[in-house]
Amino acid sequence: MNGSVMTNRRQDRLAERIKEEASRVILFEMQDPRMGFVTVIRVKMSADLVQAKVYISIMGSEVDQSRTLAALKHATGYIQAQISERLGVRRCPMISFVLDDTVQRGIRISSLIEQVKKEHSGEGQNEPDSGTV
């Protein structure tokens, strides 16, 4: 089997395990009052498995998001230690949190589409029937 295929599988497996464990730690163990509702979207590993970017979505206002991101960055060492212990790996990748706004953008786009649909359906009702056959 090709070495790059093995590396990709290993990256994918490690990324998935880090995603699961990071989600558990954030959801069940973080007690920082600054924490809002966080969802771990995905984890992207570096090719050498030394770095792991944890992409997260945070619900709430920009202020809520900033506070939550600050709390996560403050707790990065704790979260990384928990992940390392649970994975049982010799070297746990250095994790960093990245705000992923694709969920919020998707919600915003859906909202705009619904608004346009309502406005468009309202236009047809106000126009008089032409009466042509």
Foldseek 3Di string as FASTA:
>chain_A
DDPVVVLVVVQQVLFVLLQVLLVCCLVPPDDDPLAADKHFDTWGADSVRQEIETEMEGDDDPSSVVSNLVSCVVCQVVSQVSSCVVVVDPHHHRYHYDYDCPVVVVVVVVVVVVVVVVVVVVVVVPDDDPPDD
